[in-house]
Amino acid sequence: MTPGSVRLGNMPHNLATALYKLVYGNARMRDSEELRRVEGVRAFFVNDPSRAWNEIRELSQIDRDVSGTIDYYELMELHQKEVRLGASHKLMELFTTHPNMLKRIKHLSTLNV
């Protein structure tokens, strides 16, 4: 999801919602056998399925009305906040192909028109 998507007319809060739903879908892969099955192709996922539950916990703090979406006002609220990652998250980012989803959505909040 790039600034180009926003220039093409997609609203940043809709793109944030799409990312949120993709993380939620990956979080349903709870079983270690399912995770092992996708191990070889997880680089093609938008987020790391093994970290999806942690990302859901982070993103659920943005979804104030628990609607399963991130609306304009929730995205603007995130825009006003500083996103700080713990030391373990920062370390994980160094060794993963998947940037933190909360940071991606925070970036989308800067693209609002």
PDB file of N, CA and C in Angstrom:
ATOM      1  N   MET A   1       0.853  -1.158   0.000  1.00  0.00           N
ATOM      2  CA  MET A   1       0.000   0.000   0.000  1.00  0.00           C
ATOM      3  C   MET A   1       0.903   1.226   0.000  1.00  0.00           C
ATOM      4  N   THR A   2       0.824   1.960  -1.058  1.00  0.00           N
ATOM      5  CA  THR A   2       1.753   3.070  -1.227  1.00  0.00           C
ATOM      6  C   THR A   2       0.993   4.377  -1.350  1.00  0.00           C
ATOM      7  N   PRO A   3       1.713   5.491  -1.296  1.00  0.00           N
ATOM      8  CA  PRO A   3       1.072   6.778  -1.548  1.00  0.00           C
ATOM      9  C   PRO A   3       0.390   6.811  -2.913  1.00  0.00           C
ATOM     10  N   GLY A   4       0.885   5.984  -3.848  1.00  0.00           N
ATOM     11  CA  GLY A   4       0.258   5.902  -5.165  1.00  0.00           C
ATOM     12  C   GLY A   4      -1.173   5.419  -5.085  1.00  0.00           C
ATOM     13  N   SER A   5      -1.460   4.510  -4.170  1.00  0.00           N
ATOM     14  CA  SER A   5      -2.829   4.029  -3.963  1.00  0.00           C
ATOM     15  C   SER A   5      -3.737   5.162  -3.521  1.00  0.00           C
ATOM     16  N   VAL A   6      -3.206   6.014  -2.669  1.00  0.00           N
ATOM     17  CA  VAL A   6      -4.002   7.157  -2.191  1.00  0.00           C
ATOM     18  C   VAL A   6      -4.224   8.132  -3.339  1.00  0.00           C
ATOM     19  N   ARG A   7      -3.182   8.355  -4.141  1.00  0.00           N
ATOM     20  CA  ARG A   7      -3.335   9.257  -5.293  1.00  0.00           C
ATOM     21  C   ARG A   7      -4.350   8.732  -6.298  1.00  0.00           C
ATOM     22  N   LEU A   8      -4.504   7.423  -6.364  1.00  0.00           N
ATOM     23  CA  LEU A   8      -5.481   6.831  -7.284  1.00  0.00           C
ATOM     24  C   LEU A   8      -6.912   6.910  -6.742  1.00  0.00           C
ATOM     25  N   GLY A   9      -7.063   7.434  -5.538  1.00  0.00           N
ATOM     26  CA  GLY A   9      -8.408   7.648  -5.012  1.00  0.00           C
ATOM     27  C   GLY A   9      -8.796   6.762  -3.851  1.00  0.00           C
ATOM     28  N   ASN A  10      -7.914   5.891  -3.401  1.00  0.00           N
ATOM     29  CA  ASN A  10      -8.235   5.059  -2.240  1.00  0.00           C
ATOM     30  C   ASN A  10      -8.016   5.860  -0.963  1.00  0.00           C
ATOM     31  N   MET A  11      -8.986   5.848  -0.104  1.00  0.00           N
ATOM     32  CA  MET A  11      -8.880   6.585   1.152  1.00  0.00           C
ATOM     33  C   MET A  11      -7.942   5.837   2.106  1.00  0.00           C
ATOM     34  N   PRO A  12      -7.061   6.563   2.794  1.00  0.00           N
ATOM     35  CA  PRO A  12      -6.112   5.913   3.703  1.00  0.00           C
ATOM     36  C   PRO A  12      -6.779   5.048   4.770  1.00  0.00           C
ATOM     37  N   HIS A  13      -7.931   5.466   5.285  1.00  0.00           N
ATOM     38  CA  HIS A  13      -8.576   4.644   6.317  1.00  0.00           C
ATOM     39  C   HIS A  13      -9.107   3.334   5.728  1.00  0.00           C
ATOM     40  N   ASN A  14      -9.480   3.339   4.452  1.00  0.00           N
ATOM     41  CA  ASN A  14      -9.904   2.086   3.809  1.00  0.00           C
ATOM     42  C   ASN A  14      -8.707   1.154   3.600  1.00  0.00           C
ATOM     43  N   LEU A  15      -7.563   1.714   3.243  1.00  0.00           N
ATOM     44  CA  LEU A  15      -6.354   0.905   3.094  1.00  0.00           C
ATOM     45  C   LEU A  15      -5.911   0.350   4.446  1.00  0.00           C
ATOM     46  N   ALA A  16      -6.037   1.169   5.499  1.00  0.00           N
ATOM     47  CA  ALA A  16      -5.696   0.714   6.855  1.00  0.00           C
ATOM     48  C   ALA A  16      -6.614  -0.427   7.273  1.00  0.00           C
ATOM     49  N   THR A  17      -7.884  -0.319   6.943  1.00  0.00           N
ATOM     50  CA  THR A  17      -8.835  -1.388   7.256  1.00  0.00           C
ATOM     51  C   THR A  17      -8.473  -2.669   6.516  1.00  0.00           C
ATOM     52  N   ALA A  18      -8.054  -2.530   5.264  1.00  0.00           N
ATOM     53  CA  ALA A  18      -7.658  -3.717   4.488  1.00  0.00           C
ATOM     54  C   ALA A  18      -6.462  -4.411   5.146  1.00  0.00           C
ATOM     55  N   LEU A  19      -5.485  -3.632   5.589  1.00  0.00           N
ATOM     56  CA  LEU A  19      -4.334  -4.222   6.278  1.00  0.00           C
ATOM     57  C   LEU A  19      -4.766  -4.908   7.576  1.00  0.00           C
ATOM     58  N   TYR A  20      -5.651  -4.265   8.305  1.00  0.00           N
ATOM     59  CA  TYR A  20      -6.168  -4.813   9.565  1.00  0.00           C
ATOM     60  C   TYR A  20      -6.851  -6.162   9.311  1.00  0.00           C
ATOM     61  N   LYS A  21      -7.642  -6.237   8.269  1.00  0.00           N
ATOM     62  CA  LYS A  21      -8.353  -7.488   7.957  1.00  0.00           C
ATOM     63  C   LYS A  21      -7.396  -8.584   7.489  1.00  0.00           C
ATOM     64  N   LEU A  22      -6.344  -8.208   6.770  1.00  0.00           N
ATOM     65  CA  LEU A  22      -5.347  -9.200   6.355  1.00  0.00           C
ATOM     66  C   LEU A  22      -4.624  -9.780   7.575  1.00  0.00           C
ATOM     67  N   VAL A  23      -4.307  -8.930   8.534  1.00  0.00           N
ATOM     68  CA  VAL A  23      -3.670  -9.413   9.763  1.00  0.00           C
ATOM     69  C   VAL A  23      -4.619 -10.342  10.509  1.00  0.00           C
ATOM     70  N   TYR A  24      -5.886  -9.943  10.572  1.00  0.00           N
ATOM     71  CA  TYR A  24      -6.871 -10.772  11.264  1.00  0.00           C
ATOM     72  C   TYR A  24      -6.982 -12.149  10.603  1.00  0.00           C
ATOM     73  N   GLY A  25      -6.979 -12.168   9.288  1.00  0.00           N
ATOM     74  CA  GLY A  25      -7.044 -13.441   8.563  1.00  0.00           C
ATOM     75  C   GLY A  25      -5.850 -14.326   8.865  1.00  0.00           C
ATOM     76  N   ASN A  26      -4.673 -13.736   8.939  1.00  0.00           N
ATOM     77  CA  ASN A  26      -3.482 -14.517   9.268  1.00  0.00           C
ATOM     78  C   ASN A  26      -3.485 -14.973  10.719  1.00  0.00           C
ATOM     79  N   ALA A  27      -4.092 -14.208  11.591  1.00  0.00           N
ATOM     80  CA  ALA A  27      -4.143 -14.576  13.011  1.00  0.00           C
ATOM     81  C   ALA A  27      -4.996 -15.815  13.235  1.00  0.00           C
ATOM     82  N   ARG A  28      -5.856 -16.126  12.297  1.00  0.00           N
ATOM     83  CA  ARG A  28      -6.681 -17.330  12.435  1.00  0.00           C
ATOM     84  C   ARG A  28      -5.850 -18.595  12.262  1.00  0.00           C
ATOM     85  N   MET A  29      -4.621 -18.459  11.757  1.00  0.00           N
ATOM     86  CA  MET A  29      -3.720 -19.599  11.620  1.00  0.00           C
ATOM     87  C   MET A  29      -3.012 -19.826  12.947  1.00  0.00           C
ATOM     88  N   ARG A  30      -3.710 -20.330  13.906  1.00  0.00           N
ATOM     89  CA  ARG A  30      -3.159 -20.494  15.253  1.00  0.00           C
ATOM     90  C   ARG A  30      -2.363 -21.780  15.401  1.00  0.00           C
ATOM     91  N   ASP A  31      -2.771 -22.777  14.706  1.00  0.00           N
ATOM     92  CA  ASP A  31      -2.183 -24.102  14.840  1.00  0.00           C
ATOM     93  C   ASP A  31      -0.749 -24.106  14.324  1.00  0.00           C
ATOM     94  N   SER A  32       0.146 -24.687  15.083  1.00  0.00           N
ATOM     95  CA  SER A  32       1.549 -24.712  14.665  1.00  0.00           C
ATOM     96  C   SER A  32       1.737 -25.498  13.366  1.00  0.00           C
ATOM     97  N   GLU A  33       0.875 -26.477  13.129  1.00  0.00           N
ATOM     98  CA  GLU A  33       0.963 -27.239  11.882  1.00  0.00           C
ATOM     99  C   GLU A  33       0.615 -26.343  10.695  1.00  0.00           C
ATOM    100  N   GLU A  34      -0.393 -25.516  10.850  1.00  0.00           N
ATOM    101  CA  GLU A  34      -0.749 -24.579   9.771  1.00  0.00           C
ATOM    102  C   GLU A  34       0.394 -23.609   9.508  1.00  0.00           C
ATOM    103  N   LEU A  35       1.015 -23.122  10.573  1.00  0.00           N
ATOM    104  CA  LEU A  35       2.131 -22.191  10.409  1.00  0.00           C
ATOM    105  C   LEU A  35       3.309 -22.864   9.712  1.00  0.00           C
ATOM    106  N   ARG A  36       3.572 -24.114  10.049  1.00  0.00           N
ATOM    107  CA  ARG A  36       4.654 -24.853   9.386  1.00  0.00           C
ATOM    108  C   ARG A  36       4.354 -25.057   7.903  1.00  0.00           C
ATOM    109  N   ARG A  37       3.081 -25.234   7.587  1.00  0.00           N
ATOM    110  CA  ARG A  37       2.687 -25.462   6.195  1.00  0.00           C
ATOM    111  C   ARG A  37       2.978 -24.241   5.323  1.00  0.00           C
ATOM    112  N   VAL A  38       2.855 -23.042   5.875  1.00  0.00           N
ATOM    113  CA  VAL A  38       3.077 -21.821   5.092  1.00  0.00           C
ATOM    114  C   VAL A  38       4.474 -21.241   5.283  1.00  0.00           C
ATOM    115  N   GLU A  39       5.311 -21.922   6.042  1.00  0.00           N
ATOM    116  CA  GLU A  39       6.661 -21.433   6.352  1.00  0.00           C
ATOM    117  C   GLU A  39       7.438 -21.035   5.101  1.00  0.00           C
ATOM    118  N   GLY A  40       7.395 -21.840   4.076  1.00  0.00           N
ATOM    119  CA  GLY A  40       8.163 -21.579   2.867  1.00  0.00           C
ATOM    120  C   GLY A  40       7.672 -20.419   2.028  1.00  0.00           C
ATOM    121  N   VAL A  41       6.443 -20.016   2.220  1.00  0.00           N
ATOM    122  CA  VAL A  41       5.890 -18.935   1.397  1.00  0.00           C
ATOM    123  C   VAL A  41       5.500 -17.705   2.211  1.00  0.00           C
ATOM    124  N   ARG A  42       5.847 -17.671   3.472  1.00  0.00           N
ATOM    125  CA  ARG A  42       5.400 -16.550   4.305  1.00  0.00           C
ATOM    126  C   ARG A  42       6.011 -15.223   3.891  1.00  0.00           C
ATOM    127  N   ALA A  43       7.117 -15.232   3.128  1.00  0.00           N
ATOM    128  CA  ALA A  43       7.690 -13.988   2.615  1.00  0.00           C
ATOM    129  C   ALA A  43       6.717 -13.301   1.660  1.00  0.00           C
ATOM    130  N   PHE A  44       5.775 -14.061   1.097  1.00  0.00           N
ATOM    131  CA  PHE A  44       4.803 -13.488   0.172  1.00  0.00           C
ATOM    132  C   PHE A  44       3.572 -12.933   0.889  1.00  0.00           C
ATOM    133  N   PHE A  45       3.466 -13.150   2.184  1.00  0.00           N
ATOM    134  CA  PHE A  45       2.347 -12.625   2.965  1.00  0.00           C
ATOM    135  C   PHE A  45       2.587 -11.147   3.249  1.00  0.00           C
ATOM    136  N   VAL A  46       1.509 -10.416   3.486  1.00  0.00           N
ATOM    137  CA  VAL A  46       1.612  -9.000   3.819  1.00  0.00           C
ATOM    138  C   VAL A  46       2.196  -8.826   5.217  1.00  0.00           C
ATOM    139  N   ASN A  47       1.930  -9.758   6.090  1.00  0.00           N
ATOM    140  CA  ASN A  47       2.513  -9.746   7.426  1.00  0.00           C
ATOM    141  C   ASN A  47       2.946 -11.165   7.787  1.00  0.00           C
ATOM    142  N   ASP A  48       3.734 -11.256   8.840  1.00  0.00           N
ATOM    143  CA  ASP A  48       4.235 -12.559   9.276  1.00  0.00           C
ATOM    144  C   ASP A  48       3.145 -13.280  10.065  1.00  0.00           C
ATOM    145  N   PRO A  49       2.644 -14.410   9.570  1.00  0.00           N
ATOM    146  CA  PRO A  49       1.565 -15.120  10.262  1.00  0.00           C
ATOM    147  C   PRO A  49       1.912 -15.512  11.695  1.00  0.00           C
ATOM    148  N   SER A  50       3.185 -15.751  11.976  1.00  0.00           N
ATOM    149  CA  SER A  50       3.556 -16.145  13.334  1.00  0.00           C
ATOM    150  C   SER A  50       3.490 -14.978  14.315  1.00  0.00           C
ATOM    151  N   ARG A  51       3.462 -13.742  13.816  1.00  0.00           N
ATOM    152  CA  ARG A  51       3.354 -12.565  14.681  1.00  0.00           C
ATOM    153  C   ARG A  51       1.970 -11.928  14.628  1.00  0.00           C
ATOM    154  N   ALA A  52       1.049 -12.539  13.908  1.00  0.00           N
ATOM    155  CA  ALA A  52      -0.255 -11.918  13.660  1.00  0.00           C
ATOM    156  C   ALA A  52      -1.031 -11.621  14.941  1.00  0.00           C
ATOM    157  N   TRP A  53      -1.001 -12.529  15.927  1.00  0.00           N
ATOM    158  CA  TRP A  53      -1.766 -12.281  17.164  1.00  0.00           C
ATOM    159  C   TRP A  53      -1.234 -11.074  17.915  1.00  0.00           C
ATOM    160  N   ASN A  54       0.080 -10.882  17.913  1.00  0.00           N
ATOM    161  CA  ASN A  54       0.646  -9.685  18.549  1.00  0.00           C
ATOM    162  C   ASN A  54       0.203  -8.426  17.819  1.00  0.00           C
ATOM    163  N   GLU A  55       0.176  -8.504  16.492  1.00  0.00           N
ATOM    164  CA  GLU A  55      -0.250  -7.341  15.712  1.00  0.00           C
ATOM    165  C   GLU A  55      -1.738  -7.057  15.909  1.00  0.00           C
ATOM    166  N   ILE A  56      -2.536  -8.096  16.056  1.00  0.00           N
ATOM    167  CA  ILE A  56      -3.967  -7.896  16.319  1.00  0.00           C
ATOM    168  C   ILE A  56      -4.140  -7.142  17.634  1.00  0.00           C
ATOM    169  N   ARG A  57      -3.374  -7.519  18.647  1.00  0.00           N
ATOM    170  CA  ARG A  57      -3.462  -6.822  19.938  1.00  0.00           C
ATOM    171  C   ARG A  57      -3.113  -5.350  19.790  1.00  0.00           C
ATOM    172  N   GLU A  58      -2.077  -5.054  19.027  1.00  0.00           N
ATOM    173  CA  GLU A  58      -1.694  -3.661  18.807  1.00  0.00           C
ATOM    174  C   GLU A  58      -2.769  -2.897  18.040  1.00  0.00           C
ATOM    175  N   LEU A  59      -3.279  -3.505  16.965  1.00  0.00           N
ATOM    176  CA  LEU A  59      -4.244  -2.824  16.106  1.00  0.00           C
ATOM    177  C   LEU A  59      -5.611  -2.689  16.760  1.00  0.00           C
ATOM    178  N   SER A  60      -5.957  -3.599  17.652  1.00  0.00           N
ATOM    179  CA  SER A  60      -7.261  -3.502  18.309  1.00  0.00           C
ATOM    180  C   SER A  60      -7.347  -2.255  19.181  1.00  0.00           C
ATOM    181  N   GLN A  61      -6.217  -1.712  19.580  1.00  0.00           N
ATOM    182  CA  GLN A  61      -6.216  -0.467  20.350  1.00  0.00           C
ATOM    183  C   GLN A  61      -6.606   0.724  19.484  1.00  0.00           C
ATOM    184  N   ILE A  62      -6.411   0.616  18.185  1.00  0.00           N
ATOM    185  CA  ILE A  62      -6.822   1.679  17.258  1.00  0.00           C
ATOM    186  C   ILE A  62      -8.316   1.582  16.992  1.00  0.00           C
ATOM    187  N   ASP A  63      -8.816   0.373  16.848  1.00  0.00           N
ATOM    188  CA  ASP A  63     -10.234   0.115  16.531  1.00  0.00           C
ATOM    189  C   ASP A  63     -11.076   0.330  17.798  1.00  0.00           C
ATOM    190  N   ARG A  64     -11.293   1.584  18.139  1.00  0.00           N
ATOM    191  CA  ARG A  64     -11.967   1.942  19.402  1.00  0.00           C
ATOM    192  C   ARG A  64     -13.393   1.417  19.499  1.00  0.00           C
ATOM    193  N   ASP A  65     -14.116   1.424  18.384  1.00  0.00           N
ATOM    194  CA  ASP A  65     -15.516   0.991  18.430  1.00  0.00           C
ATOM    195  C   ASP A  65     -15.678  -0.507  18.166  1.00  0.00           C
ATOM    196  N   VAL A  66     -14.574  -1.225  18.062  1.00  0.00           N
ATOM    197  CA  VAL A  66     -14.538  -2.674  17.861  1.00  0.00           C
ATOM    198  C   VAL A  66     -15.424  -3.091  16.677  1.00  0.00           C
ATOM    199  N   SER A  67     -15.306  -2.338  15.595  1.00  0.00           N
ATOM    200  CA  SER A  67     -16.112  -2.612  14.407  1.00  0.00           C
ATOM    201  C   SER A  67     -15.402  -3.529  13.420  1.00  0.00           C
ATOM    202  N   GLY A  68     -14.113  -3.781  13.638  1.00  0.00           N
ATOM    203  CA  GLY A  68     -13.355  -4.574  12.683  1.00  0.00           C
ATOM    204  C   GLY A  68     -12.817  -3.734  11.543  1.00  0.00           C
ATOM    205  N   THR A  69     -13.004  -2.419  11.652  1.00  0.00           N
ATOM    206  CA  THR A  69     -12.495  -1.491  10.642  1.00  0.00           C
ATOM    207  C   THR A  69     -11.767  -0.351  11.341  1.00  0.00           C
ATOM    208  N   ILE A  70     -10.975   0.359  10.584  1.00  0.00           N
ATOM    209  CA  ILE A  70     -10.319   1.562  11.091  1.00  0.00           C
ATOM    210  C   ILE A  70     -10.912   2.727  10.308  1.00  0.00           C
ATOM    211  N   ASP A  71     -11.748   3.512  10.976  1.00  0.00           N
ATOM    212  CA  ASP A  71     -12.399   4.618  10.270  1.00  0.00           C
ATOM    213  C   ASP A  71     -11.504   5.863  10.266  1.00  0.00           C
ATOM    214  N   TYR A  72     -11.968   6.896   9.593  1.00  0.00           N
ATOM    215  CA  TYR A  72     -11.209   8.132   9.436  1.00  0.00           C
ATOM    216  C   TYR A  72     -10.784   8.699  10.784  1.00  0.00           C
ATOM    217  N   TYR A  73     -11.695   8.742  11.735  1.00  0.00           N
ATOM    218  CA  TYR A  73     -11.408   9.359  13.033  1.00  0.00           C
ATOM    219  C   TYR A  73     -10.413   8.528  13.845  1.00  0.00           C
ATOM    220  N   GLU A  74     -10.515   7.224  13.746  1.00  0.00           N
ATOM    221  CA  GLU A  74      -9.556   6.358  14.435  1.00  0.00           C
ATOM    222  C   GLU A  74      -8.158   6.522  13.832  1.00  0.00           C
ATOM    223  N   LEU A  75      -8.101   6.667  12.514  1.00  0.00           N
ATOM    224  CA  LEU A  75      -6.820   6.868  11.853  1.00  0.00           C
ATOM    225  C   LEU A  75      -6.224   8.225  12.233  1.00  0.00           C
ATOM    226  N   MET A  76      -7.065   9.253  12.340  1.00  0.00           N
ATOM    227  CA  MET A  76      -6.589  10.573  12.734  1.00  0.00           C
ATOM    228  C   MET A  76      -6.115  10.579  14.188  1.00  0.00           C
ATOM    229  N   GLU A  77      -6.772   9.795  15.013  1.00  0.00           N
ATOM    230  CA  GLU A  77      -6.331   9.671  16.405  1.00  0.00           C
ATOM    231  C   GLU A  77      -4.939   9.030  16.461  1.00  0.00           C
ATOM    232  N   LEU A  78      -4.721   8.025  15.638  1.00  0.00           N
ATOM    233  CA  LEU A  78      -3.414   7.385  15.565  1.00  0.00           C
ATOM    234  C   LEU A  78      -2.372   8.371  15.062  1.00  0.00           C
ATOM    235  N   HIS A  79      -2.759   9.228  14.129  1.00  0.00           N
ATOM    236  CA  HIS A  79      -1.842  10.215  13.565  1.00  0.00           C
ATOM    237  C   HIS A  79      -1.289  11.141  14.652  1.00  0.00           C
ATOM    238  N   GLN A  80      -2.108  11.427  15.649  1.00  0.00           N
ATOM    239  CA  GLN A  80      -1.707  12.333  16.732  1.00  0.00           C
ATOM    240  C   GLN A  80      -0.774  11.660  17.738  1.00  0.00           C
ATOM    241  N   LYS A  81      -0.723  10.341  17.731  1.00  0.00           N
ATOM    242  CA  LYS A  81       0.075   9.608  18.705  1.00  0.00           C
ATOM    243  C   LYS A  81       1.443   9.260  18.134  1.00  0.00           C
ATOM    244  N   GLU A  82       2.373   9.050  19.042  1.00  0.00           N
ATOM    245  CA  GLU A  82       3.687   8.570  18.641  1.00  0.00           C
ATOM    246  C   GLU A  82       3.699   7.056  18.803  1.00  0.00           C
ATOM    247  N   VAL A  83       4.102   6.369  17.757  1.00  0.00           N
ATOM    248  CA  VAL A  83       4.173   4.913  17.803  1.00  0.00           C
ATOM    249  C   VAL A  83       5.562   4.525  18.283  1.00  0.00           C
ATOM    250  N   ARG A  84       5.597   3.866  19.425  1.00  0.00           N
ATOM    251  CA  ARG A  84       6.868   3.400  19.972  1.00  0.00           C
ATOM    252  C   ARG A  84       6.848   1.882  20.021  1.00  0.00           C
ATOM    253  N   LEU A  85       7.889   1.321  19.495  1.00  0.00           N
ATOM    254  CA  LEU A  85       8.020  -0.131  19.536  1.00  0.00           C
ATOM    255  C   LEU A  85       8.972  -0.502  20.660  1.00  0.00           C
ATOM    256  N   GLY A  86       8.659  -1.598  21.330  1.00  0.00           N
ATOM    257  CA  GLY A  86       9.540  -2.102  22.367  1.00  0.00           C
ATOM    258  C   GLY A  86      10.824  -2.633  21.767  1.00  0.00           C
ATOM    259  N   ALA A  87      11.795  -2.866  22.608  1.00  0.00           N
ATOM    260  CA  ALA A  87      13.102  -3.346  22.149  1.00  0.00           C
ATOM    261  C   ALA A  87      12.976  -4.655  21.382  1.00  0.00           C
ATOM    262  N   SER A  88      12.102  -5.548  21.851  1.00  0.00           N
ATOM    263  CA  SER A  88      11.956  -6.832  21.160  1.00  0.00           C
ATOM    264  C   SER A  88      11.358  -6.645  19.768  1.00  0.00           C
ATOM    265  N   HIS A  89      10.405  -5.713  19.629  1.00  0.00           N
ATOM    266  CA  HIS A  89       9.812  -5.453  18.310  1.00  0.00           C
ATOM    267  C   HIS A  89      10.847  -4.844  17.360  1.00  0.00           C
ATOM    268  N   LYS A  90      11.665  -3.938  17.888  1.00  0.00           N
ATOM    269  CA  LYS A  90      12.700  -3.330  17.053  1.00  0.00           C
ATOM    270  C   LYS A  90      13.702  -4.380  16.578  1.00  0.00           C
ATOM    271  N   LEU A  91      14.081  -5.260  17.482  1.00  0.00           N
ATOM    272  CA  LEU A  91      15.013  -6.324  17.137  1.00  0.00           C
ATOM    273  C   LEU A  91      14.410  -7.260  16.086  1.00  0.00           C
ATOM    274  N   MET A  92      13.125  -7.599  16.264  1.00  0.00           N
ATOM    275  CA  MET A  92      12.433  -8.461  15.294  1.00  0.00           C
ATOM    276  C   MET A  92      12.401  -7.820  13.917  1.00  0.00           C
ATOM    277  N   GLU A  93      12.214  -6.493  13.875  1.00  0.00           N
ATOM    278  CA  GLU A  93      12.151  -5.804  12.588  1.00  0.00           C
ATOM    279  C   GLU A  93      13.466  -5.903  11.814  1.00  0.00           C
ATOM    280  N   LEU A  94      14.562  -6.010  12.533  1.00  0.00           N
ATOM    281  CA  LEU A  94      15.861  -6.141  11.866  1.00  0.00           C
ATOM    282  C   LEU A  94      15.991  -7.464  11.126  1.00  0.00           C
ATOM    283  N   PHE A  95      15.346  -8.497  11.658  1.00  0.00           N
ATOM    284  CA  PHE A  95      15.514  -9.841  11.109  1.00  0.00           C
ATOM    285  C   PHE A  95      14.310 -10.357  10.337  1.00  0.00           C
ATOM    286  N   THR A  96      13.355  -9.517  10.047  1.00  0.00           N
ATOM    287  CA  THR A  96      12.155  -9.976   9.355  1.00  0.00           C
ATOM    288  C   THR A  96      11.992  -9.256   8.024  1.00  0.00           C
ATOM    289  N   THR A  97      11.257  -9.874   7.136  1.00  0.00           N
ATOM    290  CA  THR A  97      10.958  -9.246   5.846  1.00  0.00           C
ATOM    291  C   THR A  97       9.680  -8.422   5.928  1.00  0.00           C
ATOM    292  N   HIS A  98       9.001  -8.440   7.097  1.00  0.00           N
ATOM    293  CA  HIS A  98       7.714  -7.786   7.246  1.00  0.00           C
ATOM    294  C   HIS A  98       7.800  -6.627   8.226  1.00  0.00           C
ATOM    295  N   PRO A  99       7.603  -5.396   7.761  1.00  0.00           N
ATOM    296  CA  PRO A  99       7.585  -4.260   8.694  1.00  0.00           C
ATOM    297  C   PRO A  99       6.397  -4.378   9.652  1.00  0.00           C
ATOM    298  N   ASN A 100       6.518  -3.738  10.796  1.00  0.00           N
ATOM    299  CA  ASN A 100       5.442  -3.739  11.784  1.00  0.00           C
ATOM    300  C   ASN A 100       4.184  -3.114  11.188  1.00  0.00           C
ATOM    301  N   MET A 101       3.046  -3.807  11.348  1.00  0.00           N
ATOM    302  CA  MET A 101       1.793  -3.347  10.742  1.00  0.00           C
ATOM    303  C   MET A 101       1.320  -2.022  11.343  1.00  0.00           C
ATOM    304  N   LEU A 102       1.528  -1.828  12.632  1.00  0.00           N
ATOM    305  CA  LEU A 102       1.127  -0.571  13.260  1.00  0.00           C
ATOM    306  C   LEU A 102       1.890   0.597  12.651  1.00  0.00           C
ATOM    307  N   LYS A 103       3.170   0.401  12.363  1.00  0.00           N
ATOM    308  CA  LYS A 103       3.948   1.459  11.719  1.00  0.00           C
ATOM    309  C   LYS A 103       3.450   1.727  10.304  1.00  0.00           C
ATOM    310  N   ARG A 104       3.052   0.695   9.592  1.00  0.00           N
ATOM    311  CA  ARG A 104       2.513   0.883   8.237  1.00  0.00           C
ATOM    312  C   ARG A 104       1.230   1.712   8.275  1.00  0.00           C
ATOM    313  N   ILE A 105       0.370   1.369   9.225  1.00  0.00           N
ATOM    314  CA  ILE A 105      -0.906   2.088   9.321  1.00  0.00           C
ATOM    315  C   ILE A 105      -0.674   3.515   9.805  1.00  0.00           C
ATOM    316  N   LYS A 106       0.279   3.716  10.678  1.00  0.00           N
ATOM    317  CA  LYS A 106       0.648   5.070  11.121  1.00  0.00           C
ATOM    318  C   LYS A 106       1.091   5.886   9.910  1.00  0.00           C
ATOM    319  N   HIS A 107       1.859   5.271   9.007  1.00  0.00           N
ATOM    320  CA  HIS A 107       2.283   5.973   7.794  1.00  0.00           C
ATOM    321  C   HIS A 107       1.071   6.362   6.937  1.00  0.00           C
ATOM    322  N   LEU A 108       0.107   5.465   6.843  1.00  0.00           N
ATOM    323  CA  LEU A 108      -1.103   5.798   6.082  1.00  0.00           C
ATOM    324  C   LEU A 108      -1.821   7.006   6.678  1.00  0.00           C
ATOM    325  N   SER A 109      -1.740   7.175   7.988  1.00  0.00           N
ATOM    326  CA  SER A 109      -2.407   8.322   8.622  1.00  0.00           C
ATOM    327  C   SER A 109      -1.792   9.640   8.185  1.00  0.00           C
ATOM    328  N   THR A 110      -0.548   9.624   7.738  1.00  0.00           N
ATOM    329  CA  THR A 110       0.096  10.853   7.266  1.00  0.00           C
ATOM    330  C   THR A 110      -0.323  11.210   5.843  1.00  0.00           C
ATOM    331  N   LEU A 111      -0.974  10.277   5.153  1.00  0.00           N
ATOM    332  CA  LEU A 111      -1.371  10.488   3.772  1.00  0.00           C
ATOM    333  C   LEU A 111      -2.801  10.985   3.621  1.00  0.00           C
ATOM    334  N   ASN A 112      -3.473  11.209   4.738  1.00  0.00           N
ATOM    335  CA  ASN A 112      -4.875  11.646   4.671  1.00  0.00           C
ATOM    336  C   ASN A 112      -4.982  13.007   4.007  1.00  0.00           C
ATOM    337  N   VAL A 113      -5.995  13.154   3.212  1.00  0.00           N
ATOM    338  CA  VAL A 113      -6.236  14.408   2.496  1.00  0.00           C
ATOM    339  C   VAL A 113      -7.239  15.273   3.196  1.00  0.00           C
TER     340      VAL A 113
END
